[in-house]
Every structure is written in C-alpha cells, then in structure tokens.
Amino acid sequence: MRPSYSILDPSFRYVPAVATSVAETWRRFGWRPTTDEERRSLRGPAVTLVVDEIGRARPIRLAASQARPRALTVAA
C-alpha cells in the first residue's frame, strides 16, 4: 500500500506521536467506540447457576483408607 502522498511533498507536515489521537484517526475512517449499552447487548444474558440437588460424596482420603491394602514385593 502506497501512502497518499510522499513525505518529500512540500504539503507534508510532520505530527509528533504525542500530538496524535489514535481514536480520532480511527474515527476518520468510520470507526466509532461502542457505548455501554451496546457492550451489554453483545455480552448476552448473565449466566445464573442453578443447583438441582447436592448429593453426598465420599472424601478421597476416607475412600483410600478403606481400600484393600496391596501386597508389596521387594526385588532382591
């Protein structure tokens, strides 16, 4: 993509980065920031957690302690 005019053109004026606005540059090309309302609608509905039932669970340590012990073999 070629620039619209050369930096050697006498009409070219250098603008330091500190003096520029990125948002303003994007607006010149049709971009506009979204409003809070637009962001909310894009996010979709809030998710709610629904718990039908809570069952009992066996703790892992208890289950391990009740397990049948395995025989250990030692290689000599």
PDB file of N, CA and C in Angstrom:
ATOM      1  N   MET A   1       0.849  -1.180   0.000  1.00  0.00           N
ATOM      2  CA  MET A   1       0.000   0.000   0.000  1.00  0.00           C
ATOM      3  C   MET A   1       0.893   1.242   0.000  1.00  0.00           C
ATOM      4  N   ARG A   2       0.631   2.102  -0.935  1.00  0.00           N
ATOM      5  CA  ARG A   2       1.418   3.325  -1.034  1.00  0.00           C
ATOM      6  C   ARG A   2       0.757   4.440  -0.234  1.00  0.00           C
ATOM      7  N   PRO A   3       1.561   5.303   0.376  1.00  0.00           N
ATOM      8  CA  PRO A   3       0.990   6.451   1.082  1.00  0.00           C
ATOM      9  C   PRO A   3       0.280   7.383   0.097  1.00  0.00           C
ATOM     10  N   SER A   4      -0.663   8.166   0.602  1.00  0.00           N
ATOM     11  CA  SER A   4      -1.418   9.060  -0.277  1.00  0.00           C
ATOM     12  C   SER A   4      -0.528  10.147  -0.875  1.00  0.00           C
ATOM     13  N   TYR A   5       0.496  10.555  -0.152  1.00  0.00           N
ATOM     14  CA  TYR A   5       1.484  11.467  -0.724  1.00  0.00           C
ATOM     15  C   TYR A   5       2.826  11.250  -0.032  1.00  0.00           C
ATOM     16  N   SER A   6       3.874  11.662  -0.668  1.00  0.00           N
ATOM     17  CA  SER A   6       5.226  11.426  -0.195  1.00  0.00           C
ATOM     18  C   SER A   6       5.587  12.358   0.956  1.00  0.00           C
ATOM     19  N   ILE A   7       6.478  11.901   1.818  1.00  0.00           N
ATOM     20  CA  ILE A   7       6.964  12.787   2.882  1.00  0.00           C
ATOM     21  C   ILE A   7       7.887  13.865   2.316  1.00  0.00           C
ATOM     22  N   LEU A   8       8.263  13.715   1.046  1.00  0.00           N
ATOM     23  CA  LEU A   8       9.078  14.749   0.391  1.00  0.00           C
ATOM     24  C   LEU A   8       8.216  15.842  -0.230  1.00  0.00           C
ATOM     25  N   ASP A   9       6.902  15.614  -0.257  1.00  0.00           N
ATOM     26  CA  ASP A   9       5.960  16.611  -0.785  1.00  0.00           C
ATOM     27  C   ASP A   9       5.976  17.835   0.138  1.00  0.00           C
ATOM     28  N   PRO A  10       6.037  19.031  -0.407  1.00  0.00           N
ATOM     29  CA  PRO A  10       6.072  20.245   0.428  1.00  0.00           C
ATOM     30  C   PRO A  10       4.823  20.420   1.310  1.00  0.00           C
ATOM     31  N   SER A  11       3.702  19.801   0.937  1.00  0.00           N
ATOM     32  CA  SER A  11       2.489  19.955   1.752  1.00  0.00           C
ATOM     33  C   SER A  11       2.480  19.008   2.970  1.00  0.00           C
ATOM     34  N   PHE A  12       3.463  18.087   3.030  1.00  0.00           N
ATOM     35  CA  PHE A  12       3.528  17.152   4.154  1.00  0.00           C
ATOM     36  C   PHE A  12       3.935  17.881   5.426  1.00  0.00           C
ATOM     37  N   ARG A  13       3.193  17.655   6.491  1.00  0.00           N
ATOM     38  CA  ARG A  13       3.512  18.250   7.787  1.00  0.00           C
ATOM     39  C   ARG A  13       3.670  17.125   8.803  1.00  0.00           C
ATOM     40  N   TYR A  14       4.835  17.074   9.436  1.00  0.00           N
ATOM     41  CA  TYR A  14       5.106  16.053  10.450  1.00  0.00           C
ATOM     42  C   TYR A  14       4.315  16.364  11.719  1.00  0.00           C
ATOM     43  N   VAL A  15       3.695  15.338  12.276  1.00  0.00           N
ATOM     44  CA  VAL A  15       2.960  15.479  13.536  1.00  0.00           C
ATOM     45  C   VAL A  15       3.579  14.502  14.531  1.00  0.00           C
ATOM     46  N   PRO A  16       4.122  14.999  15.644  1.00  0.00           N
ATOM     47  CA  PRO A  16       4.710  14.098  16.628  1.00  0.00           C
ATOM     48  C   PRO A  16       3.654  13.154  17.201  1.00  0.00           C
ATOM     49  N   ALA A  17       4.077  11.950  17.579  1.00  0.00           N
ATOM     50  CA  ALA A  17       3.147  10.942  18.094  1.00  0.00           C
ATOM     51  C   ALA A  17       2.402  11.440  19.328  1.00  0.00           C
ATOM     52  N   VAL A  18       3.044  12.236  20.144  1.00  0.00           N
ATOM     53  CA  VAL A  18       2.412  12.758  21.358  1.00  0.00           C
ATOM     54  C   VAL A  18       1.208  13.633  21.025  1.00  0.00           C
ATOM     55  N   ALA A  19       1.237  14.275  19.881  1.00  0.00           N
ATOM     56  CA  ALA A  19       0.166  15.189  19.496  1.00  0.00           C
ATOM     57  C   ALA A  19      -0.949  14.506  18.711  1.00  0.00           C
ATOM     58  N   THR A  20      -0.884  13.183  18.540  1.00  0.00           N
ATOM     59  CA  THR A  20      -1.904  12.486  17.762  1.00  0.00           C
ATOM     60  C   THR A  20      -2.891  11.768  18.677  1.00  0.00           C
ATOM     61  N   SER A  21      -4.034  11.449  18.134  1.00  0.00           N
ATOM     62  CA  SER A  21      -5.059  10.697  18.853  1.00  0.00           C
ATOM     63  C   SER A  21      -5.413   9.482  17.998  1.00  0.00           C
ATOM     64  N   VAL A  22      -5.123   8.291  18.517  1.00  0.00           N
ATOM     65  CA  VAL A  22      -5.408   7.077  17.770  1.00  0.00           C
ATOM     66  C   VAL A  22      -6.911   6.945  17.524  1.00  0.00           C
ATOM     67  N   ALA A  23      -7.710   7.227  18.550  1.00  0.00           N
ATOM     68  CA  ALA A  23      -9.169   7.128  18.401  1.00  0.00           C
ATOM     69  C   ALA A  23      -9.681   8.084  17.327  1.00  0.00           C
ATOM     70  N   GLU A  24      -9.147   9.284  17.285  1.00  0.00           N
ATOM     71  CA  GLU A  24      -9.578  10.257  16.266  1.00  0.00           C
ATOM     72  C   GLU A  24      -9.193   9.784  14.862  1.00  0.00           C
ATOM     73  N   THR A  25      -8.018   9.193  14.736  1.00  0.00           N
ATOM     74  CA  THR A  25      -7.594   8.662  13.432  1.00  0.00           C
ATOM     75  C   THR A  25      -8.555   7.577  12.982  1.00  0.00           C
ATOM     76  N   TRP A  26      -8.928   6.648  13.871  1.00  0.00           N
ATOM     77  CA  TRP A  26      -9.870   5.581  13.519  1.00  0.00           C
ATOM     78  C   TRP A  26     -11.244   6.156  13.174  1.00  0.00           C
ATOM     79  N   ARG A  27     -11.682   7.181  13.893  1.00  0.00           N
ATOM     80  CA  ARG A  27     -12.993   7.799  13.606  1.00  0.00           C
ATOM     81  C   ARG A  27     -13.035   8.370  12.179  1.00  0.00           C
ATOM     82  N   ARG A  28     -11.917   8.927  11.720  1.00  0.00           N
ATOM     83  CA  ARG A  28     -11.889   9.464  10.353  1.00  0.00           C
ATOM     84  C   ARG A  28     -12.172   8.388   9.318  1.00  0.00           C
ATOM     85  N   PHE A  29     -11.896   7.143   9.652  1.00  0.00           N
ATOM     86  CA  PHE A  29     -12.121   6.030   8.724  1.00  0.00           C
ATOM     87  C   PHE A  29     -13.376   5.239   9.051  1.00  0.00           C
ATOM     88  N   GLY A  30     -14.277   5.823   9.867  1.00  0.00           N
ATOM     89  CA  GLY A  30     -15.578   5.213  10.100  1.00  0.00           C
ATOM     90  C   GLY A  30     -15.752   4.439  11.396  1.00  0.00           C
ATOM     91  N   TRP A  31     -14.699   4.271  12.184  1.00  0.00           N
ATOM     92  CA  TRP A  31     -14.836   3.551  13.453  1.00  0.00           C
ATOM     93  C   TRP A  31     -15.444   4.462  14.499  1.00  0.00           C
ATOM     94  N   ARG A  32     -16.277   3.885  15.341  1.00  0.00           N
ATOM     95  CA  ARG A  32     -16.790   4.654  16.478  1.00  0.00           C
ATOM     96  C   ARG A  32     -16.801   3.741  17.693  1.00  0.00           C
ATOM     97  N   PRO A  33     -16.472   4.284  18.852  1.00  0.00           N
ATOM     98  CA  PRO A  33     -16.441   3.446  20.048  1.00  0.00           C
ATOM     99  C   PRO A  33     -17.843   2.962  20.407  1.00  0.00           C
ATOM    100  N   THR A  34     -17.922   1.775  21.002  1.00  0.00           N
ATOM    101  CA  THR A  34     -19.225   1.251  21.397  1.00  0.00           C
ATOM    102  C   THR A  34     -19.658   1.886  22.712  1.00  0.00           C
ATOM    103  N   THR A  35     -20.946   1.995  22.875  1.00  0.00           N
ATOM    104  CA  THR A  35     -21.486   2.534  24.115  1.00  0.00           C
ATOM    105  C   THR A  35     -21.611   1.409  25.140  1.00  0.00           C
ATOM    106  N   ASP A  36     -21.836   1.774  26.387  1.00  0.00           N
ATOM    107  CA  ASP A  36     -22.020   0.763  27.433  1.00  0.00           C
ATOM    108  C   ASP A  36     -23.203  -0.139  27.103  1.00  0.00           C
ATOM    109  N   GLU A  37     -24.252   0.455  26.582  1.00  0.00           N
ATOM    110  CA  GLU A  37     -25.454  -0.321  26.247  1.00  0.00           C
ATOM    111  C   GLU A  37     -25.163  -1.341  25.137  1.00  0.00           C
ATOM    112  N   GLU A  38     -24.399  -0.940  24.119  1.00  0.00           N
ATOM    113  CA  GLU A  38     -24.038  -1.864  23.037  1.00  0.00           C
ATOM    114  C   GLU A  38     -23.167  -3.009  23.555  1.00  0.00           C
ATOM    115  N   ARG A  39     -22.225  -2.684  24.446  1.00  0.00           N
ATOM    116  CA  ARG A  39     -21.375  -3.734  25.018  1.00  0.00           C
ATOM    117  C   ARG A  39     -22.203  -4.723  25.832  1.00  0.00           C
ATOM    118  N   ARG A  40     -23.180  -4.230  26.588  1.00  0.00           N
ATOM    119  CA  ARG A  40     -24.044  -5.118  27.369  1.00  0.00           C
ATOM    120  C   ARG A  40     -24.845  -6.046  26.463  1.00  0.00           C
ATOM    121  N   SER A  41     -25.363  -5.515  25.360  1.00  0.00           N
ATOM    122  CA  SER A  41     -26.177  -6.345  24.462  1.00  0.00           C
ATOM    123  C   SER A  41     -25.318  -7.386  23.737  1.00  0.00           C
ATOM    124  N   LEU A  42     -24.060  -7.048  23.451  1.00  0.00           N
ATOM    125  CA  LEU A  42     -23.173  -8.002  22.794  1.00  0.00           C
ATOM    126  C   LEU A  42     -22.745  -9.121  23.742  1.00  0.00           C
ATOM    127  N   ARG A  43     -22.657  -8.812  25.023  1.00  0.00           N
ATOM    128  CA  ARG A  43     -22.249  -9.789  26.016  1.00  0.00           C
ATOM    129  C   ARG A  43     -23.275 -10.894  26.198  1.00  0.00           C
ATOM    130  N   GLY A  44     -24.523 -10.588  25.964  1.00  0.00           N
ATOM    131  CA  GLY A  44     -25.572 -11.586  26.134  1.00  0.00           C
ATOM    132  C   GLY A  44     -26.094 -11.596  27.557  1.00  0.00           C
ATOM    133  N   PRO A  45     -27.039 -12.482  27.823  1.00  0.00           N
ATOM    134  CA  PRO A  45     -27.633 -12.512  29.159  1.00  0.00           C
ATOM    135  C   PRO A  45     -26.632 -13.014  30.201  1.00  0.00           C
ATOM    136  N   ALA A  46     -26.834 -12.561  31.425  1.00  0.00           N
ATOM    137  CA  ALA A  46     -25.983 -13.016  32.521  1.00  0.00           C
ATOM    138  C   ALA A  46     -26.292 -14.481  32.812  1.00  0.00           C
ATOM    139  N   VAL A  47     -25.282 -15.219  33.173  1.00  0.00           N
ATOM    140  CA  VAL A  47     -25.439 -16.647  33.456  1.00  0.00           C
ATOM    141  C   VAL A  47     -25.746 -16.812  34.936  1.00  0.00           C
ATOM    142  N   THR A  48     -26.754 -17.634  35.227  1.00  0.00           N
ATOM    143  CA  THR A  48     -27.072 -17.921  36.618  1.00  0.00           C
ATOM    144  C   THR A  48     -26.804 -19.394  36.887  1.00  0.00           C
ATOM    145  N   LEU A  49     -26.338 -19.673  38.070  1.00  0.00           N
ATOM    146  CA  LEU A  49     -26.033 -21.027  38.464  1.00  0.00           C
ATOM    147  C   LEU A  49     -27.252 -21.624  39.141  1.00  0.00           C
ATOM    148  N   VAL A  50     -27.688 -22.762  38.652  1.00  0.00           N
ATOM    149  CA  VAL A  50     -28.848 -23.435  39.220  1.00  0.00           C
ATOM    150  C   VAL A  50     -28.395 -24.810  39.697  1.00  0.00           C
ATOM    151  N   VAL A  51     -28.637 -25.088  40.964  1.00  0.00           N
ATOM    152  CA  VAL A  51     -28.265 -26.378  41.536  1.00  0.00           C
ATOM    153  C   VAL A  51     -29.550 -27.141  41.812  1.00  0.00           C
ATOM    154  N   ASP A  52     -29.701 -28.287  41.146  1.00  0.00           N
ATOM    155  CA  ASP A  52     -30.895 -29.094  41.343  1.00  0.00           C
ATOM    156  C   ASP A  52     -30.809 -29.890  42.636  1.00  0.00           C
ATOM    157  N   GLU A  53     -29.649 -30.484  42.878  1.00  0.00           N
ATOM    158  CA  GLU A  53     -29.527 -31.371  44.019  1.00  0.00           C
ATOM    159  C   GLU A  53     -28.065 -31.471  44.420  1.00  0.00           C
ATOM    160  N   ILE A  54     -27.842 -31.589  45.714  1.00  0.00           N
ATOM    161  CA  ILE A  54     -26.487 -31.790  46.202  1.00  0.00           C
ATOM    162  C   ILE A  54     -26.457 -33.164  46.851  1.00  0.00           C
ATOM    163  N   GLY A  55     -25.632 -34.043  46.312  1.00  0.00           N
ATOM    164  CA  GLY A  55     -25.538 -35.394  46.848  1.00  0.00           C
ATOM    165  C   GLY A  55     -24.335 -35.533  47.763  1.00  0.00           C
ATOM    166  N   ARG A  56     -24.294 -36.636  48.483  1.00  0.00           N
ATOM    167  CA  ARG A  56     -23.167 -36.900  49.370  1.00  0.00           C
ATOM    168  C   ARG A  56     -22.001 -37.435  48.552  1.00  0.00           C
ATOM    169  N   ALA A  57     -20.823 -37.053  48.952  1.00  0.00           N
ATOM    170  CA  ALA A  57     -19.628 -37.538  48.287  1.00  0.00           C
ATOM    171  C   ALA A  57     -18.702 -38.132  49.337  1.00  0.00           C
ATOM    172  N   ARG A  58     -18.021 -39.198  48.959  1.00  0.00           N
ATOM    173  CA  ARG A  58     -17.061 -39.794  49.881  1.00  0.00           C
ATOM    174  C   ARG A  58     -15.740 -39.057  49.736  1.00  0.00           C
ATOM    175  N   PRO A  59     -15.168 -38.650  50.838  1.00  0.00           N
ATOM    176  CA  PRO A  59     -13.861 -37.981  50.754  1.00  0.00           C
ATOM    177  C   PRO A  59     -12.818 -38.932  50.181  1.00  0.00           C
ATOM    178  N   ILE A  60     -11.873 -38.417  49.462  1.00  0.00           N
ATOM    179  CA  ILE A  60     -10.857 -39.239  48.816  1.00  0.00           C
ATOM    180  C   ILE A  60     -10.019 -39.969  49.863  1.00  0.00           C
ATOM    181  N   ARG A  61      -9.631 -39.303  50.932  1.00  0.00           N
ATOM    182  CA  ARG A  61      -8.792 -39.931  51.951  1.00  0.00           C
ATOM    183  C   ARG A  61      -9.531 -41.088  52.625  1.00  0.00           C
ATOM    184  N   LEU A  62     -10.784 -40.929  52.925  1.00  0.00           N
ATOM    185  CA  LEU A  62     -11.558 -41.989  53.546  1.00  0.00           C
ATOM    186  C   LEU A  62     -11.655 -43.181  52.609  1.00  0.00           C
ATOM    187  N   ALA A  63     -11.908 -42.910  51.330  1.00  0.00           N
ATOM    188  CA  ALA A  63     -12.020 -43.991  50.357  1.00  0.00           C
ATOM    189  C   ALA A  63     -10.682 -44.725  50.236  1.00  0.00           C
ATOM    190  N   ALA A  64      -9.577 -44.002  50.282  1.00  0.00           N
ATOM    191  CA  ALA A  64      -8.264 -44.630  50.170  1.00  0.00           C
ATOM    192  C   ALA A  64      -7.950 -45.459  51.409  1.00  0.00           C
ATOM    193  N   SER A  65      -8.354 -44.983  52.570  1.00  0.00           N
ATOM    194  CA  SER A  65      -8.059 -45.722  53.795  1.00  0.00           C
ATOM    195  C   SER A  65      -8.896 -46.992  53.894  1.00  0.00           C
ATOM    196  N   GLN A  66     -10.038 -47.050  53.256  1.00  0.00           N
ATOM    197  CA  GLN A  66     -10.892 -48.225  53.296  1.00  0.00           C
ATOM    198  C   GLN A  66     -10.563 -49.218  52.181  1.00  0.00           C
ATOM    199  N   ALA A  67      -9.682 -48.832  51.294  1.00  0.00           N
ATOM    200  CA  ALA A  67      -9.319 -49.724  50.192  1.00  0.00           C
ATOM    201  C   ALA A  67      -8.487 -50.885  50.719  1.00  0.00           C
ATOM    202  N   ARG A  68      -8.545 -52.006  50.051  1.00  0.00           N
ATOM    203  CA  ARG A  68      -7.802 -53.195  50.448  1.00  0.00           C
ATOM    204  C   ARG A  68      -6.314 -52.953  50.220  1.00  0.00           C
ATOM    205  N   PRO A  69      -5.477 -53.201  51.211  1.00  0.00           N
ATOM    206  CA  PRO A  69      -4.038 -52.955  51.028  1.00  0.00           C
ATOM    207  C   PRO A  69      -3.446 -53.936  50.025  1.00  0.00           C
ATOM    208  N   ARG A  70      -2.507 -53.438  49.244  1.00  0.00           N
ATOM    209  CA  ARG A  70      -1.846 -54.259  48.237  1.00  0.00           C
ATOM    210  C   ARG A  70      -0.582 -54.866  48.829  1.00  0.00           C
ATOM    211  N   ALA A  71      -0.238 -56.024  48.377  1.00  0.00           N
ATOM    212  CA  ALA A  71       0.992 -56.657  48.826  1.00  0.00           C
ATOM    213  C   ALA A  71       2.178 -56.021  48.134  1.00  0.00           C
ATOM    214  N   LEU A  72       3.217 -55.743  48.887  1.00  0.00           N
ATOM    215  CA  LEU A  72       4.418 -55.148  48.330  1.00  0.00           C
ATOM    216  C   LEU A  72       5.438 -56.234  48.037  1.00  0.00           C
ATOM    217  N   THR A  73       6.065 -56.167  46.906  1.00  0.00           N
ATOM    218  CA  THR A  73       7.118 -57.113  46.567  1.00  0.00           C
ATOM    219  C   THR A  73       8.425 -56.346  46.488  1.00  0.00           C
ATOM    220  N   VAL A  74       9.445 -56.914  47.080  1.00  0.00           N
ATOM    221  CA  VAL A  74      10.754 -56.278  47.080  1.00  0.00           C
ATOM    222  C   VAL A  74      11.702 -57.142  46.265  1.00  0.00           C
ATOM    223  N   ALA A  75      12.304 -56.521  45.276  1.00  0.00           N
ATOM    224  CA  ALA A  75      13.252 -57.260  44.439  1.00  0.00           C
ATOM    225  C   ALA A  75      14.589 -57.318  45.160  1.00  0.00           C
ATOM    226  N   ALA A  76      15.164 -58.505  45.237  1.00  0.00           N
ATOM    227  CA  ALA A  76      16.444 -58.644  45.949  1.00  0.00           C
ATOM    228  C   ALA A  76      17.590 -58.799  44.984  1.00  0.00           C
TER     229      ALA A  76
END
